[in-house]
């Protein structure tokens, strides 16, 4: 598959709140369903994150897993990565953290 055939990643908004999490969850689930095999979620635009964001990522991960898809989260902001690590989910969620220099 060429770069031109590679689907664009799903991009998160600057903030995830209780007000936007349900429609965002639904949009992400549609993206997972519609992507061929390995949906990518870019968190590059996420500026304010909290446990709501972690719950959303976990929900998308579970949905993709049930569908047999290899989901990946990229461009994780450092503050969100810290929340994920404290929550004990860094070994569960498929995080691509090489952009932060955290991979060996």
N, C-alpha and C. Protein backbone atom coordinates (compact mmCIF):
# COMPACT_ATOMS: atom_id res chain seq x y z
N UNK A 1 0.85 -1.16 0.00
CA UNK A 1 0.00 0.00 0.00
C UNK A 1 0.90 1.23 0.00
N UNK A 2 0.66 2.16 -0.89
CA UNK A 2 1.46 3.37 -0.97
C UNK A 2 0.98 4.38 0.06
N UNK A 3 1.81 5.42 0.28
CA UNK A 3 1.43 6.47 1.23
C UNK A 3 0.11 7.13 0.83
N UNK A 4 -0.14 7.23 -0.47
CA UNK A 4 -1.38 7.83 -0.95
C UNK A 4 -2.59 6.99 -0.56
N UNK A 5 -2.38 5.68 -0.38
CA UNK A 5 -3.48 4.77 -0.02
C UNK A 5 -3.67 4.65 1.49
N UNK A 6 -2.72 5.19 2.26
CA UNK A 6 -2.80 5.10 3.71
C UNK A 6 -3.84 6.09 4.23
N UNK A 7 -4.81 5.60 4.98
CA UNK A 7 -5.84 6.52 5.49
C UNK A 7 -5.26 7.52 6.48
N UNK A 8 -5.84 8.69 6.49
CA UNK A 8 -5.45 9.71 7.46
C UNK A 8 -5.82 9.23 8.86
N UNK A 9 -5.03 9.59 9.86
CA UNK A 9 -5.41 9.21 11.23
C UNK A 9 -6.60 10.02 11.72
N UNK A 10 -7.28 9.49 12.69
CA UNK A 10 -8.35 10.20 13.38
C UNK A 10 -7.66 11.19 14.31
N UNK A 11 -8.00 12.46 14.21
CA UNK A 11 -7.34 13.49 15.01
C UNK A 11 -8.25 13.97 16.13
N UNK A 12 -7.70 13.95 17.33
CA UNK A 12 -8.46 14.40 18.49
C UNK A 12 -8.47 15.92 18.58
N UNK A 13 -9.52 16.48 19.17
CA UNK A 13 -9.61 17.93 19.34
C UNK A 13 -8.66 18.39 20.45
N UNK A 14 -8.53 19.70 20.65
CA UNK A 14 -7.63 20.22 21.68
C UNK A 14 -8.01 19.82 23.11
N UNK A 15 -9.28 19.52 23.34
CA UNK A 15 -9.72 19.19 24.69
C UNK A 15 -10.81 18.12 24.64
N UNK A 16 -10.73 17.19 25.58
CA UNK A 16 -11.78 16.18 25.75
C UNK A 16 -12.44 16.46 27.09
N UNK A 17 -13.75 16.69 27.03
CA UNK A 17 -14.51 17.03 28.24
C UNK A 17 -15.75 16.14 28.30
N UNK A 18 -16.47 16.26 29.40
CA UNK A 18 -17.73 15.53 29.51
C UNK A 18 -18.72 16.01 28.45
N UNK A 19 -18.60 17.25 28.00
CA UNK A 19 -19.52 17.81 27.01
C UNK A 19 -19.30 17.24 25.61
N UNK A 20 -18.06 16.88 25.26
CA UNK A 20 -17.81 16.40 23.90
C UNK A 20 -17.41 14.92 23.81
N UNK A 21 -17.30 14.24 24.94
CA UNK A 21 -16.78 12.88 24.91
C UNK A 21 -17.72 11.89 24.21
N UNK A 22 -19.01 12.03 24.36
CA UNK A 22 -19.93 11.06 23.73
C UNK A 22 -19.92 11.18 22.21
N UNK A 23 -20.08 12.39 21.64
CA UNK A 23 -20.00 12.46 20.17
C UNK A 23 -18.61 12.07 19.65
N UNK A 24 -17.57 12.40 20.40
CA UNK A 24 -16.22 12.03 19.99
C UNK A 24 -16.05 10.52 20.03
N UNK A 25 -16.59 9.89 21.06
CA UNK A 25 -16.54 8.43 21.15
C UNK A 25 -17.22 7.80 19.94
N UNK A 26 -18.40 8.31 19.60
CA UNK A 26 -19.15 7.77 18.47
C UNK A 26 -18.39 7.95 17.15
N UNK A 27 -17.78 9.13 16.95
CA UNK A 27 -16.99 9.37 15.74
C UNK A 27 -15.81 8.40 15.66
N UNK A 28 -15.13 8.21 16.79
CA UNK A 28 -14.00 7.28 16.83
C UNK A 28 -14.41 5.85 16.56
N UNK A 29 -15.57 5.45 17.08
CA UNK A 29 -16.05 4.09 16.83
C UNK A 29 -16.39 3.89 15.36
N UNK A 30 -16.95 4.91 14.72
CA UNK A 30 -17.20 4.83 13.27
C UNK A 30 -15.88 4.70 12.51
N UNK A 31 -14.89 5.46 12.94
CA UNK A 31 -13.57 5.40 12.30
C UNK A 31 -12.98 4.00 12.44
N UNK A 32 -13.09 3.42 13.60
CA UNK A 32 -12.58 2.06 13.82
C UNK A 32 -13.32 1.09 12.90
N UNK A 33 -14.61 1.20 12.84
CA UNK A 33 -15.41 0.30 12.03
C UNK A 33 -15.07 0.45 10.54
N UNK A 34 -14.87 1.70 10.09
CA UNK A 34 -14.68 1.96 8.66
C UNK A 34 -13.25 1.77 8.18
N UNK A 35 -12.25 1.88 9.06
CA UNK A 35 -10.86 1.71 8.66
C UNK A 35 -10.62 0.24 8.34
N UNK A 36 -9.74 -0.03 7.41
CA UNK A 36 -9.53 -1.40 6.96
C UNK A 36 -9.03 -2.34 8.05
N UNK A 37 -7.83 -2.09 8.60
CA UNK A 37 -7.28 -3.03 9.58
C UNK A 37 -6.71 -2.39 10.82
N UNK A 38 -6.03 -1.27 10.64
CA UNK A 38 -5.29 -0.71 11.77
C UNK A 38 -5.54 0.79 11.91
N UNK A 39 -6.64 1.12 12.56
CA UNK A 39 -6.96 2.54 12.74
C UNK A 39 -5.92 3.25 13.61
N UNK A 40 -5.52 4.44 13.16
CA UNK A 40 -4.55 5.24 13.89
C UNK A 40 -5.25 6.49 14.42
N UNK A 41 -5.01 6.76 15.69
CA UNK A 41 -5.56 7.95 16.34
C UNK A 41 -4.40 8.86 16.72
N UNK A 42 -4.38 10.06 16.14
CA UNK A 42 -3.33 11.03 16.46
C UNK A 42 -3.81 11.95 17.57
N UNK A 43 -3.01 12.04 18.62
CA UNK A 43 -3.34 12.89 19.75
C UNK A 43 -2.54 14.19 19.72
N UNK A 44 -1.95 14.50 18.58
CA UNK A 44 -1.08 15.67 18.44
C UNK A 44 -1.80 16.98 18.80
N UNK A 45 -3.08 17.09 18.49
CA UNK A 45 -3.81 18.32 18.74
C UNK A 45 -4.37 18.44 20.15
N UNK A 46 -4.26 17.39 20.93
CA UNK A 46 -4.82 17.38 22.29
C UNK A 46 -3.96 18.23 23.21
N UNK A 47 -4.54 19.28 23.74
CA UNK A 47 -3.81 20.21 24.61
C UNK A 47 -4.15 20.04 26.08
N UNK A 48 -5.40 19.67 26.38
CA UNK A 48 -5.84 19.51 27.76
C UNK A 48 -6.37 18.09 27.91
N UNK A 49 -5.73 17.32 28.78
CA UNK A 49 -6.16 15.93 28.93
C UNK A 49 -6.34 15.60 30.40
N UNK A 50 -7.21 14.62 30.61
CA UNK A 50 -7.52 14.16 31.96
C UNK A 50 -7.98 12.71 31.88
N UNK A 51 -8.55 12.22 32.95
CA UNK A 51 -8.98 10.82 32.98
C UNK A 51 -10.10 10.53 31.97
N UNK A 52 -10.83 11.55 31.55
CA UNK A 52 -11.85 11.36 30.52
C UNK A 52 -11.19 10.91 29.22
N UNK A 53 -10.06 11.50 28.89
CA UNK A 53 -9.33 11.12 27.68
C UNK A 53 -8.83 9.68 27.78
N UNK A 54 -8.35 9.30 28.94
CA UNK A 54 -7.86 7.93 29.14
C UNK A 54 -9.01 6.94 28.97
N UNK A 55 -10.15 7.24 29.54
CA UNK A 55 -11.31 6.36 29.41
C UNK A 55 -11.74 6.23 27.95
N UNK A 56 -11.68 7.33 27.22
CA UNK A 56 -12.03 7.30 25.80
C UNK A 56 -11.08 6.41 25.02
N UNK A 57 -9.79 6.56 25.24
CA UNK A 57 -8.80 5.73 24.54
C UNK A 57 -9.00 4.25 24.88
N UNK A 58 -9.27 3.97 26.14
CA UNK A 58 -9.49 2.59 26.56
C UNK A 58 -10.73 2.00 25.89
N UNK A 59 -11.78 2.79 25.79
CA UNK A 59 -13.00 2.34 25.11
C UNK A 59 -12.75 2.04 23.64
N UNK A 60 -12.02 2.92 22.97
CA UNK A 60 -11.70 2.68 21.56
C UNK A 60 -10.82 1.45 21.40
N UNK A 61 -9.86 1.28 22.31
CA UNK A 61 -9.00 0.10 22.26
C UNK A 61 -9.83 -1.18 22.38
N UNK A 62 -10.75 -1.19 23.33
CA UNK A 62 -11.60 -2.38 23.52
C UNK A 62 -12.46 -2.65 22.30
N UNK A 63 -13.01 -1.59 21.72
CA UNK A 63 -13.85 -1.75 20.52
C UNK A 63 -13.02 -2.34 19.39
N UNK A 64 -11.85 -1.80 19.14
CA UNK A 64 -10.99 -2.29 18.06
C UNK A 64 -10.59 -3.75 18.32
N UNK A 65 -10.25 -4.05 19.57
CA UNK A 65 -9.86 -5.41 19.92
C UNK A 65 -10.98 -6.40 19.62
N UNK A 66 -12.21 -6.04 19.98
CA UNK A 66 -13.36 -6.92 19.71
C UNK A 66 -13.56 -7.13 18.21
N UNK A 67 -13.15 -6.14 17.41
CA UNK A 67 -13.31 -6.23 15.95
C UNK A 67 -12.09 -6.85 15.28
N UNK A 68 -11.09 -7.22 16.08
CA UNK A 68 -9.88 -7.83 15.53
C UNK A 68 -8.98 -6.85 14.80
N UNK A 69 -9.02 -5.59 15.22
CA UNK A 69 -8.21 -4.56 14.56
C UNK A 69 -7.07 -4.11 15.47
N UNK A 70 -5.96 -3.76 14.84
CA UNK A 70 -4.77 -3.34 15.56
C UNK A 70 -4.71 -1.81 15.63
N UNK A 71 -5.42 -1.25 16.57
CA UNK A 71 -5.48 0.19 16.76
C UNK A 71 -4.14 0.70 17.32
N UNK A 72 -3.81 1.96 17.03
CA UNK A 72 -2.61 2.57 17.60
C UNK A 72 -2.88 4.04 17.90
N UNK A 73 -2.33 4.50 19.02
CA UNK A 73 -2.42 5.90 19.42
C UNK A 73 -1.05 6.53 19.24
N UNK A 74 -0.98 7.64 18.51
CA UNK A 74 0.28 8.29 18.23
C UNK A 74 0.28 9.73 18.77
N UNK A 75 1.46 10.30 18.82
CA UNK A 75 1.62 11.72 19.20
C UNK A 75 0.99 12.02 20.56
N UNK A 76 1.27 11.17 21.53
CA UNK A 76 0.65 11.30 22.86
C UNK A 76 1.32 12.44 23.63
N UNK A 77 0.51 13.41 24.08
CA UNK A 77 1.09 14.49 24.89
C UNK A 77 1.66 13.92 26.20
N UNK A 78 2.72 14.54 26.66
CA UNK A 78 3.42 14.02 27.84
C UNK A 78 2.52 13.96 29.08
N UNK A 79 1.66 14.97 29.27
CA UNK A 79 0.80 14.94 30.46
C UNK A 79 -0.20 13.79 30.40
N UNK A 80 -0.70 13.47 29.21
CA UNK A 80 -1.61 12.34 29.09
C UNK A 80 -0.85 11.03 29.28
N UNK A 81 0.35 10.95 28.76
CA UNK A 81 1.17 9.76 28.95
C UNK A 81 1.42 9.51 30.43
N UNK A 82 1.64 10.58 31.19
CA UNK A 82 1.83 10.44 32.63
C UNK A 82 0.58 9.88 33.31
N UNK A 83 -0.59 10.35 32.92
CA UNK A 83 -1.85 9.84 33.48
C UNK A 83 -2.01 8.36 33.15
N UNK A 84 -1.70 8.00 31.91
CA UNK A 84 -1.81 6.60 31.48
C UNK A 84 -0.85 5.72 32.29
N UNK A 85 0.36 6.19 32.50
CA UNK A 85 1.33 5.41 33.27
C UNK A 85 0.91 5.24 34.72
N UNK A 86 0.43 6.32 35.34
CA UNK A 86 -0.02 6.26 36.73
C UNK A 86 -1.22 5.33 36.86
N UNK A 87 -2.05 5.28 35.82
CA UNK A 87 -3.24 4.41 35.83
C UNK A 87 -2.88 2.95 35.59
N UNK A 88 -1.63 2.67 35.26
CA UNK A 88 -1.22 1.30 34.99
C UNK A 88 -1.64 0.79 33.62
N UNK A 89 -1.91 1.70 32.69
CA UNK A 89 -2.39 1.29 31.38
C UNK A 89 -1.35 1.42 30.27
N UNK A 90 -0.14 1.80 30.61
CA UNK A 90 0.87 1.99 29.56
C UNK A 90 1.25 0.67 28.89
N UNK A 91 1.06 -0.43 29.58
CA UNK A 91 1.34 -1.75 28.98
C UNK A 91 0.11 -2.35 28.31
N UNK A 92 -1.02 -1.70 28.47
CA UNK A 92 -2.27 -2.20 27.89
C UNK A 92 -2.60 -1.49 26.59
N UNK A 93 -2.57 -0.16 26.63
CA UNK A 93 -2.92 0.64 25.45
C UNK A 93 -1.80 0.60 24.42
N UNK A 94 -2.15 0.50 23.13
CA UNK A 94 -1.13 0.47 22.08
C UNK A 94 -0.64 1.89 21.77
N UNK A 95 0.37 2.32 22.51
CA UNK A 95 0.89 3.68 22.40
C UNK A 95 2.16 3.69 21.55
N UNK A 96 2.20 4.59 20.61
CA UNK A 96 3.42 4.79 19.83
C UNK A 96 4.07 6.05 20.38
N UNK A 97 5.07 5.86 21.22
CA UNK A 97 5.65 6.98 21.95
C UNK A 97 7.02 7.39 21.44
N UNK A 98 7.47 6.86 20.30
CA UNK A 98 8.81 7.18 19.82
C UNK A 98 8.99 8.67 19.55
N UNK A 99 7.90 9.39 19.25
CA UNK A 99 8.02 10.83 19.00
C UNK A 99 8.39 11.59 20.26
N UNK A 100 8.18 10.98 21.43
CA UNK A 100 8.55 11.62 22.69
C UNK A 100 9.94 11.19 23.14
N UNK A 101 10.52 10.26 22.43
CA UNK A 101 11.83 9.78 22.80
C UNK A 101 11.80 8.83 23.99
N UNK A 102 10.66 8.20 24.24
CA UNK A 102 10.54 7.31 25.38
C UNK A 102 10.85 5.86 25.03
N UNK A 103 10.92 5.56 23.74
CA UNK A 103 11.28 4.19 23.36
C UNK A 103 12.80 4.10 23.26
N UNK A 104 13.37 2.95 23.58
CA UNK A 104 14.83 2.80 23.49
C UNK A 104 15.31 2.87 22.07
